[in-house]
Amino acid sequence: MDVTGTTCDENRRGEEAFKAIFDAHYQRLVLFADSFVLNTSAAEDIVQTIFTDLWQSGRWQNPSLATQAYLYAAVRNRCLNEIRHQNVRDTHNIRYVQAMLNVWDDGEDGEALLDALKKSISRLPEQVRRTIELRYFHGKSIAETAAILHVSENTVKTHIKRGRATLKLSLGDVRVKIFLTLVTLLAD
């Protein structure tokens, strides 16, 4: 008997019951998920996550929750979340490319703009500079940036606001337009 009062036989029977649910549904759920996300590896990850959550929560022991309908609904919902997340990433990438195309349409040299931007950023106060770099050049979220810098999320937002305002003053008209376009798109 273990510390929870269950016997080893009960644990083994539980594992066997879960394995039976897994074996009965895994392949079909992967195919179902793949029909949404069109990526077999991502579909496998989604289904594995569903089964992991099911195991860890102990919900698989309740027959009404471990039914085929429940599993398919859980997979469908996780797939839809993944598609939404991918759409957001795609939108950001498209906006970034559009902004970069605008740089060259304006007749500006991209390297010169990047050098001017880096020089202006290097003159920012240390915390503001680190916040801008983490957020925009390393793609960290506000929460991740706050955790790395050991400050609150509101502090990160304040540093970003101050940094953007300072850069706006130091970069000039065309450069400000390009920089703010890029920064705004990356921040969305």
N, C-alpha and C. Protein backbone atom coordinates (compact mmCIF):
# COMPACT_ATOMS: atom_id res chain seq x y z
N MET A 1 0.85 -1.17 0.00
CA MET A 1 0.00 0.00 0.00
C MET A 1 0.90 1.24 0.00
N ASP A 2 0.53 2.27 -0.79
CA ASP A 2 1.32 3.49 -0.82
C ASP A 2 0.74 4.52 0.15
N VAL A 3 1.32 5.74 0.12
CA VAL A 3 0.92 6.76 1.09
C VAL A 3 -0.51 7.25 0.90
N THR A 4 -1.10 7.05 -0.25
CA THR A 4 -2.47 7.51 -0.48
C THR A 4 -3.49 6.46 -0.06
N GLY A 5 -3.01 5.30 0.36
CA GLY A 5 -3.92 4.25 0.80
C GLY A 5 -4.36 3.32 -0.31
N THR A 6 -3.76 3.45 -1.49
CA THR A 6 -4.12 2.55 -2.59
C THR A 6 -3.06 1.46 -2.68
N THR A 7 -3.47 0.35 -3.13
CA THR A 7 -2.53 -0.76 -3.28
C THR A 7 -1.85 -0.69 -4.62
N CYS A 8 -0.75 -1.40 -4.72
CA CYS A 8 -0.02 -1.46 -5.98
C CYS A 8 -0.88 -2.06 -7.08
N ASP A 9 -1.73 -3.03 -6.70
CA ASP A 9 -2.62 -3.65 -7.69
C ASP A 9 -3.62 -2.63 -8.23
N GLU A 10 -4.15 -1.78 -7.34
CA GLU A 10 -5.09 -0.74 -7.79
C GLU A 10 -4.40 0.25 -8.72
N ASN A 11 -3.16 0.63 -8.39
CA ASN A 11 -2.40 1.55 -9.25
C ASN A 11 -2.16 0.92 -10.62
N ARG A 12 -1.77 -0.35 -10.63
CA ARG A 12 -1.50 -1.03 -11.89
C ARG A 12 -2.76 -1.14 -12.73
N ARG A 13 -3.89 -1.47 -12.08
CA ARG A 13 -5.17 -1.56 -12.81
C ARG A 13 -5.54 -0.20 -13.38
N GLY A 14 -5.28 0.87 -12.61
CA GLY A 14 -5.57 2.22 -13.10
C GLY A 14 -4.72 2.57 -14.30
N GLU A 15 -3.44 2.23 -14.23
CA GLU A 15 -2.55 2.49 -15.36
C GLU A 15 -2.97 1.69 -16.59
N GLU A 16 -3.38 0.45 -16.37
CA GLU A 16 -3.83 -0.39 -17.48
C GLU A 16 -5.12 0.17 -18.09
N ALA A 17 -6.01 0.67 -17.25
CA ALA A 17 -7.26 1.26 -17.75
C ALA A 17 -6.95 2.51 -18.57
N PHE A 18 -6.03 3.34 -18.09
CA PHE A 18 -5.66 4.55 -18.83
C PHE A 18 -5.00 4.18 -20.15
N LYS A 19 -4.11 3.19 -20.10
CA LYS A 19 -3.44 2.74 -21.33
C LYS A 19 -4.46 2.23 -22.33
N ALA A 20 -5.50 1.57 -21.87
CA ALA A 20 -6.55 1.08 -22.77
C ALA A 20 -7.27 2.25 -23.44
N ILE A 21 -7.56 3.29 -22.66
CA ILE A 21 -8.21 4.50 -23.24
C ILE A 21 -7.27 5.12 -24.26
N PHE A 22 -5.99 5.25 -23.89
CA PHE A 22 -4.99 5.83 -24.78
C PHE A 22 -4.89 5.03 -26.08
N ASP A 23 -4.71 3.73 -25.95
CA ASP A 23 -4.55 2.87 -27.13
C ASP A 23 -5.80 2.90 -28.03
N ALA A 24 -6.96 2.98 -27.44
CA ALA A 24 -8.21 2.95 -28.21
C ALA A 24 -8.43 4.23 -29.01
N HIS A 25 -7.88 5.36 -28.54
CA HIS A 25 -8.23 6.64 -29.16
C HIS A 25 -7.06 7.41 -29.77
N TYR A 26 -5.83 7.12 -29.39
CA TYR A 26 -4.69 7.96 -29.77
C TYR A 26 -4.58 8.18 -31.28
N GLN A 27 -4.50 7.13 -32.07
CA GLN A 27 -4.27 7.27 -33.51
C GLN A 27 -5.39 8.07 -34.19
N ARG A 28 -6.63 7.77 -33.84
CA ARG A 28 -7.75 8.49 -34.45
C ARG A 28 -7.76 9.96 -34.04
N LEU A 29 -7.38 10.24 -32.79
CA LEU A 29 -7.33 11.63 -32.33
C LEU A 29 -6.22 12.40 -33.04
N VAL A 30 -5.09 11.73 -33.30
CA VAL A 30 -4.00 12.39 -34.04
C VAL A 30 -4.47 12.73 -35.45
N LEU A 31 -5.14 11.81 -36.11
CA LEU A 31 -5.66 12.07 -37.45
C LEU A 31 -6.68 13.22 -37.42
N PHE A 32 -7.52 13.22 -36.41
CA PHE A 32 -8.52 14.28 -36.24
C PHE A 32 -7.82 15.63 -36.05
N ALA A 33 -6.83 15.68 -35.17
CA ALA A 33 -6.10 16.92 -34.92
C ALA A 33 -5.35 17.37 -36.17
N ASP A 34 -4.77 16.41 -36.90
CA ASP A 34 -4.03 16.74 -38.11
C ASP A 34 -4.94 17.36 -39.17
N SER A 35 -6.20 16.99 -39.17
CA SER A 35 -7.14 17.58 -40.14
C SER A 35 -7.37 19.07 -39.84
N PHE A 36 -7.10 19.49 -38.61
CA PHE A 36 -7.21 20.91 -38.26
C PHE A 36 -5.90 21.66 -38.50
N VAL A 37 -4.83 21.14 -37.90
CA VAL A 37 -3.57 21.89 -37.89
C VAL A 37 -2.67 21.59 -39.09
N LEU A 38 -2.98 20.54 -39.84
CA LEU A 38 -2.24 20.17 -41.05
C LEU A 38 -0.74 19.99 -40.79
N ASN A 39 -0.44 19.43 -39.63
CA ASN A 39 0.94 19.19 -39.24
C ASN A 39 0.91 18.00 -38.27
N THR A 40 1.42 16.87 -38.73
CA THR A 40 1.32 15.64 -37.93
C THR A 40 2.05 15.77 -36.61
N SER A 41 3.20 16.40 -36.61
CA SER A 41 3.96 16.55 -35.37
C SER A 41 3.18 17.41 -34.36
N ALA A 42 2.61 18.51 -34.83
CA ALA A 42 1.81 19.37 -33.95
C ALA A 42 0.57 18.62 -33.47
N ALA A 43 -0.03 17.83 -34.34
CA ALA A 43 -1.22 17.05 -33.97
C ALA A 43 -0.87 16.05 -32.87
N GLU A 44 0.26 15.38 -33.02
CA GLU A 44 0.69 14.43 -31.99
C GLU A 44 0.92 15.14 -30.66
N ASP A 45 1.55 16.32 -30.71
CA ASP A 45 1.79 17.09 -29.48
C ASP A 45 0.48 17.47 -28.81
N ILE A 46 -0.49 17.88 -29.60
CA ILE A 46 -1.79 18.28 -29.06
C ILE A 46 -2.46 17.10 -28.36
N VAL A 47 -2.49 15.96 -29.02
CA VAL A 47 -3.14 14.77 -28.45
C VAL A 47 -2.39 14.31 -27.21
N GLN A 48 -1.08 14.33 -27.25
CA GLN A 48 -0.30 13.94 -26.08
C GLN A 48 -0.59 14.88 -24.90
N THR A 49 -0.71 16.16 -25.18
CA THR A 49 -1.03 17.13 -24.13
C THR A 49 -2.40 16.84 -23.53
N ILE A 50 -3.36 16.49 -24.37
CA ILE A 50 -4.71 16.16 -23.88
C ILE A 50 -4.62 14.95 -22.93
N PHE A 51 -3.91 13.91 -23.35
CA PHE A 51 -3.79 12.72 -22.52
C PHE A 51 -2.99 12.99 -21.24
N THR A 52 -1.97 13.82 -21.34
CA THR A 52 -1.20 14.19 -20.15
C THR A 52 -2.08 14.92 -19.15
N ASP A 53 -2.84 15.90 -19.64
CA ASP A 53 -3.76 16.63 -18.77
C ASP A 53 -4.80 15.69 -18.15
N LEU A 54 -5.29 14.78 -18.97
CA LEU A 54 -6.29 13.82 -18.50
C LEU A 54 -5.72 12.94 -17.38
N TRP A 55 -4.48 12.47 -17.57
CA TRP A 55 -3.84 11.62 -16.57
C TRP A 55 -3.57 12.40 -15.28
N GLN A 56 -2.98 13.59 -15.43
CA GLN A 56 -2.60 14.36 -14.24
C GLN A 56 -3.81 14.82 -13.43
N SER A 57 -4.89 15.09 -14.10
CA SER A 57 -6.08 15.55 -13.39
C SER A 57 -6.87 14.40 -12.77
N GLY A 58 -6.62 13.19 -13.25
CA GLY A 58 -7.36 12.03 -12.75
C GLY A 58 -8.76 11.93 -13.34
N ARG A 59 -9.09 12.83 -14.30
CA ARG A 59 -10.43 12.81 -14.89
C ARG A 59 -10.69 11.55 -15.70
N TRP A 60 -9.64 10.87 -16.10
CA TRP A 60 -9.82 9.66 -16.90
C TRP A 60 -10.53 8.56 -16.10
N GLN A 61 -10.48 8.67 -14.77
CA GLN A 61 -11.13 7.66 -13.93
C GLN A 61 -12.64 7.81 -13.94
N ASN A 62 -13.13 8.97 -14.36
CA ASN A 62 -14.57 9.20 -14.47
C ASN A 62 -14.98 8.82 -15.89
N PRO A 63 -15.72 7.74 -16.05
CA PRO A 63 -16.05 7.25 -17.40
C PRO A 63 -16.75 8.29 -18.28
N SER A 64 -17.52 9.17 -17.69
CA SER A 64 -18.22 10.15 -18.52
C SER A 64 -17.26 11.19 -19.09
N LEU A 65 -16.12 11.42 -18.41
CA LEU A 65 -15.15 12.39 -18.92
C LEU A 65 -14.17 11.78 -19.91
N ALA A 66 -13.94 10.51 -19.83
CA ALA A 66 -12.98 9.86 -20.71
C ALA A 66 -13.65 9.28 -21.95
N THR A 67 -14.84 9.75 -22.26
CA THR A 67 -15.55 9.23 -23.42
C THR A 67 -14.95 9.77 -24.70
N GLN A 68 -15.29 9.15 -25.75
CA GLN A 68 -14.82 9.55 -27.07
C GLN A 68 -15.24 10.99 -27.37
N ALA A 69 -16.47 11.35 -27.04
CA ALA A 69 -16.96 12.71 -27.31
C ALA A 69 -16.13 13.75 -26.56
N TYR A 70 -15.81 13.47 -25.30
CA TYR A 70 -15.00 14.39 -24.51
C TYR A 70 -13.62 14.55 -25.13
N LEU A 71 -12.99 13.44 -25.51
CA LEU A 71 -11.64 13.49 -26.08
C LEU A 71 -11.62 14.26 -27.38
N TYR A 72 -12.60 14.02 -28.25
CA TYR A 72 -12.64 14.74 -29.52
C TYR A 72 -12.89 16.24 -29.31
N ALA A 73 -13.76 16.58 -28.37
CA ALA A 73 -14.02 17.99 -28.08
C ALA A 73 -12.77 18.67 -27.53
N ALA A 74 -12.05 17.97 -26.64
CA ALA A 74 -10.83 18.54 -26.08
C ALA A 74 -9.77 18.75 -27.16
N VAL A 75 -9.62 17.79 -28.05
CA VAL A 75 -8.65 17.90 -29.14
C VAL A 75 -9.06 19.04 -30.08
N ARG A 76 -10.35 19.09 -30.44
CA ARG A 76 -10.83 20.16 -31.32
C ARG A 76 -10.53 21.54 -30.71
N ASN A 77 -10.83 21.72 -29.44
CA ASN A 77 -10.62 23.01 -28.79
C ASN A 77 -9.14 23.37 -28.74
N ARG A 78 -8.30 22.38 -28.45
CA ARG A 78 -6.85 22.64 -28.40
C ARG A 78 -6.34 22.99 -29.80
N CYS A 79 -6.86 22.33 -30.82
CA CYS A 79 -6.47 22.64 -32.21
C CYS A 79 -6.88 24.06 -32.58
N LEU A 80 -8.09 24.44 -32.22
CA LEU A 80 -8.56 25.79 -32.54
C LEU A 80 -7.71 26.84 -31.83
N ASN A 81 -7.31 26.57 -30.61
CA ASN A 81 -6.40 27.49 -29.90
C ASN A 81 -5.06 27.59 -30.62
N GLU A 82 -4.56 26.46 -31.08
CA GLU A 82 -3.28 26.46 -31.80
C GLU A 82 -3.40 27.24 -33.11
N ILE A 83 -4.50 27.07 -33.82
CA ILE A 83 -4.71 27.80 -35.08
C ILE A 83 -4.78 29.30 -34.81
N ARG A 84 -5.52 29.69 -33.75
CA ARG A 84 -5.58 31.12 -33.40
C ARG A 84 -4.20 31.68 -33.10
N HIS A 85 -3.42 30.93 -32.35
CA HIS A 85 -2.07 31.36 -31.99
C HIS A 85 -1.21 31.48 -33.25
N GLN A 86 -1.33 30.54 -34.16
CA GLN A 86 -0.56 30.59 -35.41
C GLN A 86 -0.99 31.79 -36.25
N ASN A 87 -2.29 32.08 -36.28
CA ASN A 87 -2.77 33.24 -37.03
C ASN A 87 -2.18 34.53 -36.49
N VAL A 88 -2.06 34.64 -35.18
CA VAL A 88 -1.46 35.83 -34.57
C VAL A 88 0.00 35.94 -35.00
N ARG A 89 0.74 34.83 -34.93
CA ARG A 89 2.15 34.84 -35.36
C ARG A 89 2.25 35.23 -36.83
N ASP A 90 1.39 34.66 -37.68
CA ASP A 90 1.41 34.98 -39.10
C ASP A 90 1.12 36.45 -39.35
N THR A 91 0.14 36.99 -38.63
CA THR A 91 -0.20 38.41 -38.78
C THR A 91 0.99 39.29 -38.42
N HIS A 92 1.69 38.95 -37.35
CA HIS A 92 2.86 39.72 -36.94
C HIS A 92 3.95 39.65 -38.00
N ASN A 93 4.17 38.46 -38.54
CA ASN A 93 5.20 38.30 -39.57
C ASN A 93 4.85 39.08 -40.83
N ILE A 94 3.58 39.07 -41.22
CA ILE A 94 3.16 39.82 -42.41
C ILE A 94 3.35 41.32 -42.18
N ARG A 95 2.94 41.79 -41.01
CA ARG A 95 3.10 43.22 -40.71
C ARG A 95 4.57 43.62 -40.69
N TYR A 96 5.39 42.76 -40.16
CA TYR A 96 6.83 43.05 -40.12
C TYR A 96 7.38 43.18 -41.54
N VAL A 97 7.04 42.23 -42.40
CA VAL A 97 7.51 42.29 -43.78
C VAL A 97 6.99 43.54 -44.47
N GLN A 98 5.72 43.88 -44.26
CA GLN A 98 5.17 45.09 -44.85
C GLN A 98 5.91 46.33 -44.37
N ALA A 99 6.21 46.39 -43.10
CA ALA A 99 6.95 47.53 -42.56
C ALA A 99 8.35 47.61 -43.16
N MET A 100 9.00 46.47 -43.31
CA MET A 100 10.34 46.47 -43.91
C MET A 100 10.28 46.89 -45.37
N LEU A 101 9.22 46.50 -46.08
CA LEU A 101 9.07 46.94 -47.47
C LEU A 101 8.89 48.45 -47.54
N ASN A 102 8.17 49.00 -46.56
CA ASN A 102 8.00 50.45 -46.50
C ASN A 102 9.33 51.17 -46.31
N VAL A 103 10.25 50.55 -45.60
CA VAL A 103 11.57 51.15 -45.38
C VAL A 103 12.24 51.38 -46.73
N TRP A 104 12.25 50.37 -47.57
CA TRP A 104 12.93 50.48 -48.85
C TRP A 104 12.11 51.30 -49.85
N ASP A 105 10.80 51.34 -49.72
CA ASP A 105 9.99 52.19 -50.58
C ASP A 105 10.26 53.66 -50.32
N ASP A 106 10.62 54.00 -49.10
CA ASP A 106 10.92 55.38 -48.75
C ASP A 106 12.32 55.79 -49.19
N GLY A 107 13.06 54.88 -49.81
CA GLY A 107 14.40 55.19 -50.31
C GLY A 107 15.47 55.20 -49.24
N GLU A 108 15.17 54.74 -48.08
CA GLU A 108 16.14 54.71 -46.98
C GLU A 108 16.96 53.43 -47.04
N ASP A 109 18.20 53.53 -46.62
CA ASP A 109 19.07 52.37 -46.51
C ASP A 109 18.76 51.65 -45.20
N GLY A 110 18.34 50.41 -45.28
CA GLY A 110 17.95 49.65 -44.09
C GLY A 110 19.07 49.52 -43.07
N GLU A 111 20.29 49.31 -43.54
CA GLU A 111 21.42 49.19 -42.62
C GLU A 111 21.66 50.49 -41.87
N ALA A 112 21.57 51.61 -42.56
CA ALA A 112 21.78 52.90 -41.91
C ALA A 112 20.71 53.15 -40.86
N LEU A 113 19.47 52.77 -41.17
CA LEU A 113 18.39 52.93 -40.20
C LEU A 113 18.62 52.06 -38.98
N LEU A 114 19.05 50.83 -39.21
CA LEU A 114 19.30 49.93 -38.10
C LEU A 114 20.45 50.43 -37.24
N ASP A 115 21.50 50.94 -37.88
CA ASP A 115 22.62 51.50 -37.12
C ASP A 115 22.17 52.70 -36.29
N ALA A 116 21.38 53.58 -36.88
CA ALA A 116 20.88 54.75 -36.14
C ALA A 116 20.01 54.31 -34.97
N LEU A 117 19.19 53.30 -35.20
CA LEU A 117 18.33 52.79 -34.13
C LEU A 117 19.17 52.21 -33.00
N LYS A 118 20.16 51.38 -33.33
CA LYS A 118 21.01 50.78 -32.30
C LYS A 118 21.78 51.85 -31.52
N LYS A 119 22.26 52.87 -32.22
CA LYS A 119 22.99 53.94 -31.56
C LYS A 119 22.08 54.70 -30.59
N SER A 120 20.85 54.97 -31.02
CA SER A 120 19.90 55.67 -30.15
C SER A 120 19.52 54.82 -28.94
N ILE A 121 19.35 53.53 -29.17
CA ILE A 121 19.01 52.63 -28.07
C ILE A 121 20.16 52.55 -27.06
N SER A 122 21.39 52.55 -27.55
CA SER A 122 22.54 52.45 -26.63
C SER A 122 22.65 53.66 -25.71
N ARG A 123 22.05 54.79 -26.11
CA ARG A 123 22.09 56.00 -25.27
C ARG A 123 20.96 56.07 -24.25
N LEU A 124 20.04 55.10 -24.29
CA LEU A 124 18.95 55.09 -23.33
C LEU A 124 19.48 54.71 -21.95
N PRO A 125 18.76 55.11 -20.88
CA PRO A 125 19.14 54.65 -19.54
C PRO A 125 19.16 53.11 -19.51
N GLU A 126 20.04 52.54 -18.69
CA GLU A 126 20.30 51.10 -18.66
C GLU A 126 19.03 50.25 -18.59
N GLN A 127 18.16 50.51 -17.62
CA GLN A 127 16.95 49.70 -17.46
C GLN A 127 16.01 49.85 -18.67
N VAL A 128 15.88 51.05 -19.17
CA VAL A 128 15.02 51.29 -20.33
C VAL A 128 15.60 50.57 -21.54
N ARG A 129 16.92 50.68 -21.73
CA ARG A 129 17.59 50.01 -22.86
C ARG A 129 17.39 48.50 -22.78
N ARG A 130 17.63 47.92 -21.61
CA ARG A 130 17.49 46.47 -21.46
C ARG A 130 16.04 46.04 -21.72
N THR A 131 15.09 46.84 -21.27
CA THR A 131 13.68 46.52 -21.48
C THR A 131 13.35 46.55 -22.97
N ILE A 132 13.78 47.59 -23.67
CA ILE A 132 13.53 47.71 -25.12
C ILE A 132 14.17 46.53 -25.86
N GLU A 133 15.41 46.20 -25.51
CA GLU A 133 16.10 45.10 -26.20
C GLU A 133 15.39 43.76 -25.97
N LEU A 134 15.03 43.49 -24.72
CA LEU A 134 14.37 42.21 -24.44
C LEU A 134 13.02 42.13 -25.16
N ARG A 135 12.28 43.22 -25.11
CA ARG A 135 10.92 43.22 -25.67
C ARG A 135 10.93 43.14 -27.19
N TYR A 136 11.73 43.98 -27.84
CA TYR A 136 11.63 44.11 -29.29
C TYR A 136 12.68 43.33 -30.07
N PHE A 137 13.85 43.13 -29.52
CA PHE A 137 14.87 42.41 -30.27
C PHE A 137 14.94 40.93 -29.92
N HIS A 138 14.50 40.59 -28.72
CA HIS A 138 14.51 39.18 -28.31
C HIS A 138 13.11 38.59 -28.26
N GLY A 139 12.09 39.41 -28.57
CA GLY A 139 10.72 38.92 -28.67
C GLY A 139 10.10 38.47 -27.37
N LYS A 140 10.59 38.96 -26.24
CA LYS A 140 10.03 38.57 -24.95
C LYS A 140 8.71 39.30 -24.70
N SER A 141 7.81 38.63 -24.04
CA SER A 141 6.54 39.26 -23.67
C SER A 141 6.80 40.22 -22.51
N ILE A 142 5.80 41.01 -22.19
CA ILE A 142 5.95 41.94 -21.07
C ILE A 142 6.18 41.15 -19.78
N ALA A 143 5.44 40.06 -19.59
CA ALA A 143 5.61 39.24 -18.39
C ALA A 143 7.01 38.62 -18.33
N GLU A 144 7.49 38.10 -19.46
CA GLU A 144 8.83 37.51 -19.50
C GLU A 144 9.90 38.56 -19.22
N THR A 145 9.74 39.74 -19.82
CA THR A 145 10.69 40.83 -19.60
C THR A 145 10.72 41.22 -18.13
N ALA A 146 9.55 41.33 -17.52
CA ALA A 146 9.46 41.68 -16.10
C ALA A 146 10.17 40.63 -15.24
N ALA A 147 9.97 39.37 -15.56
CA ALA A 147 10.61 38.30 -14.79
C ALA A 147 12.13 38.34 -14.93
N ILE A 148 12.62 38.56 -16.14
CA ILE A 148 14.06 38.60 -16.37
C ILE A 148 14.69 39.78 -15.63
N LEU A 149 14.03 40.93 -15.66
CA LEU A 149 14.57 42.14 -15.03
C LEU A 149 14.22 42.26 -13.55
N HIS A 150 13.39 41.35 -13.06
CA HIS A 150 12.96 41.36 -11.65
C HIS A 150 12.26 42.68 -11.30
N VAL A 151 11.34 43.08 -12.19
CA VAL A 151 10.53 44.28 -11.96
C VAL A 151 9.08 43.92 -12.26
N SER A 152 8.16 44.82 -11.94
CA SER A 152 6.75 44.56 -12.22
C SER A 152 6.45 44.78 -13.70
N GLU A 153 5.32 44.23 -14.14
CA GLU A 153 4.91 44.42 -15.52
C GLU A 153 4.63 45.90 -15.80
N ASN A 154 4.10 46.61 -14.83
CA ASN A 154 3.85 48.05 -15.02
C ASN A 154 5.14 48.82 -15.20
N THR A 155 6.20 48.40 -14.52
CA THR A 155 7.50 49.03 -14.70
C THR A 155 8.00 48.80 -16.12
N VAL A 156 7.83 47.59 -16.62
CA VAL A 156 8.24 47.28 -17.99
C VAL A 156 7.47 48.18 -18.97
N LYS A 157 6.17 48.30 -18.78
CA LYS A 157 5.35 49.15 -19.66
C LYS A 157 5.82 50.61 -19.61
N THR A 158 6.17 51.08 -18.42
CA THR A 158 6.66 52.46 -18.27
C THR A 158 7.98 52.63 -19.00
N HIS A 159 8.89 51.67 -18.84
CA HIS A 159 10.19 51.74 -19.52
C HIS A 159 10.00 51.75 -21.04
N ILE A 160 9.08 50.93 -21.53
CA ILE A 160 8.83 50.88 -22.98
C ILE A 160 8.29 52.23 -23.46
N LYS A 161 7.35 52.78 -22.73
CA LYS A 161 6.78 54.08 -23.10
C LYS A 161 7.85 55.17 -23.13
N ARG A 162 8.67 55.22 -22.10
CA ARG A 162 9.74 56.22 -22.04
C ARG A 162 10.78 56.00 -23.15
N GLY A 163 11.13 54.75 -23.37
CA GLY A 163 12.10 54.44 -24.41
C GLY A 163 11.61 54.82 -25.79
N ARG A 164 10.37 54.51 -26.09
CA ARG A 164 9.80 54.86 -27.39
C ARG A 164 9.75 56.37 -27.56
N ALA A 165 9.38 57.08 -26.51
CA ALA A 165 9.31 58.55 -26.60
C ALA A 165 10.70 59.13 -26.85
N THR A 166 11.70 58.64 -26.16
CA THR A 166 13.07 59.12 -26.34
C THR A 166 13.58 58.81 -27.74
N LEU A 167 13.31 57.60 -28.20
CA LEU A 167 13.75 57.22 -29.55
C LEU A 167 13.06 58.05 -30.61
N LYS A 168 11.82 58.36 -30.38
CA LYS A 168 11.08 59.20 -31.33
C LYS A 168 11.75 60.55 -31.48
N LEU A 169 12.22 61.11 -30.37
CA LEU A 169 12.90 62.40 -30.43
C LEU A 169 14.26 62.31 -31.11
N SER A 170 14.96 61.21 -30.93
CA SER A 170 16.32 61.12 -31.45
C SER A 170 16.44 60.60 -32.88
N LEU A 171 15.40 59.99 -33.42
CA LEU A 171 15.55 59.35 -34.73
C LEU A 171 15.15 60.22 -35.92
N GLY A 172 14.32 61.21 -35.76
CA GLY A 172 13.92 62.04 -36.89
C GLY A 172 12.66 61.52 -37.57
N ASP A 173 12.16 62.30 -38.53
CA ASP A 173 10.84 62.07 -39.13
C ASP A 173 10.67 60.70 -39.80
N VAL A 174 11.44 60.40 -40.84
CA VAL A 174 11.26 59.16 -41.58
C VAL A 174 11.61 57.97 -40.70
N ARG A 175 12.68 58.13 -39.96
CA ARG A 175 13.12 57.04 -39.10
C ARG A 175 12.10 56.77 -38.01
N VAL A 176 11.50 57.81 -37.50
CA VAL A 176 10.47 57.63 -36.47
C VAL A 176 9.31 56.85 -37.05
N LYS A 177 8.90 57.22 -38.25
CA LYS A 177 7.79 56.53 -38.90
C LYS A 177 8.09 55.03 -39.02
N ILE A 178 9.27 54.71 -39.49
CA ILE A 178 9.66 53.32 -39.67
C ILE A 178 9.77 52.61 -38.33
N PHE A 179 10.48 53.25 -37.40
CA PHE A 179 10.67 52.63 -36.10
C PHE A 179 9.34 52.39 -35.39
N LEU A 180 8.50 53.40 -35.37
CA LEU A 180 7.22 53.25 -34.66
C LEU A 180 6.33 52.23 -35.35
N THR A 181 6.42 52.14 -36.67
CA THR A 181 5.66 51.10 -37.37
C THR A 181 6.11 49.72 -36.92
N LEU A 182 7.44 49.52 -36.91
CA LEU A 182 7.98 48.23 -36.50
C LEU A 182 7.67 47.93 -35.04
N VAL A 183 7.90 48.91 -34.19
CA VAL A 183 7.68 48.70 -32.75
C VAL A 183 6.22 48.43 -32.46
N THR A 184 5.34 49.20 -33.11
CA THR A 184 3.91 49.01 -32.87
C THR A 184 3.47 47.62 -33.34
N LEU A 185 3.98 47.20 -34.49
CA LEU A 185 3.62 45.89 -35.00
C LEU A 185 4.15 44.78 -34.11
N LEU A 186 5.35 44.95 -33.62
CA LEU A 186 5.92 43.93 -32.74
C LEU A 186 5.22 43.90 -31.39
N ALA A 187 4.70 45.04 -30.94
CA ALA A 187 4.07 45.12 -29.63
C ALA A 187 2.65 44.53 -29.65
N ASP A 188 2.03 44.46 -30.81
CA ASP A 188 0.64 43.99 -30.89
C ASP A 188 0.51 42.53 -30.59
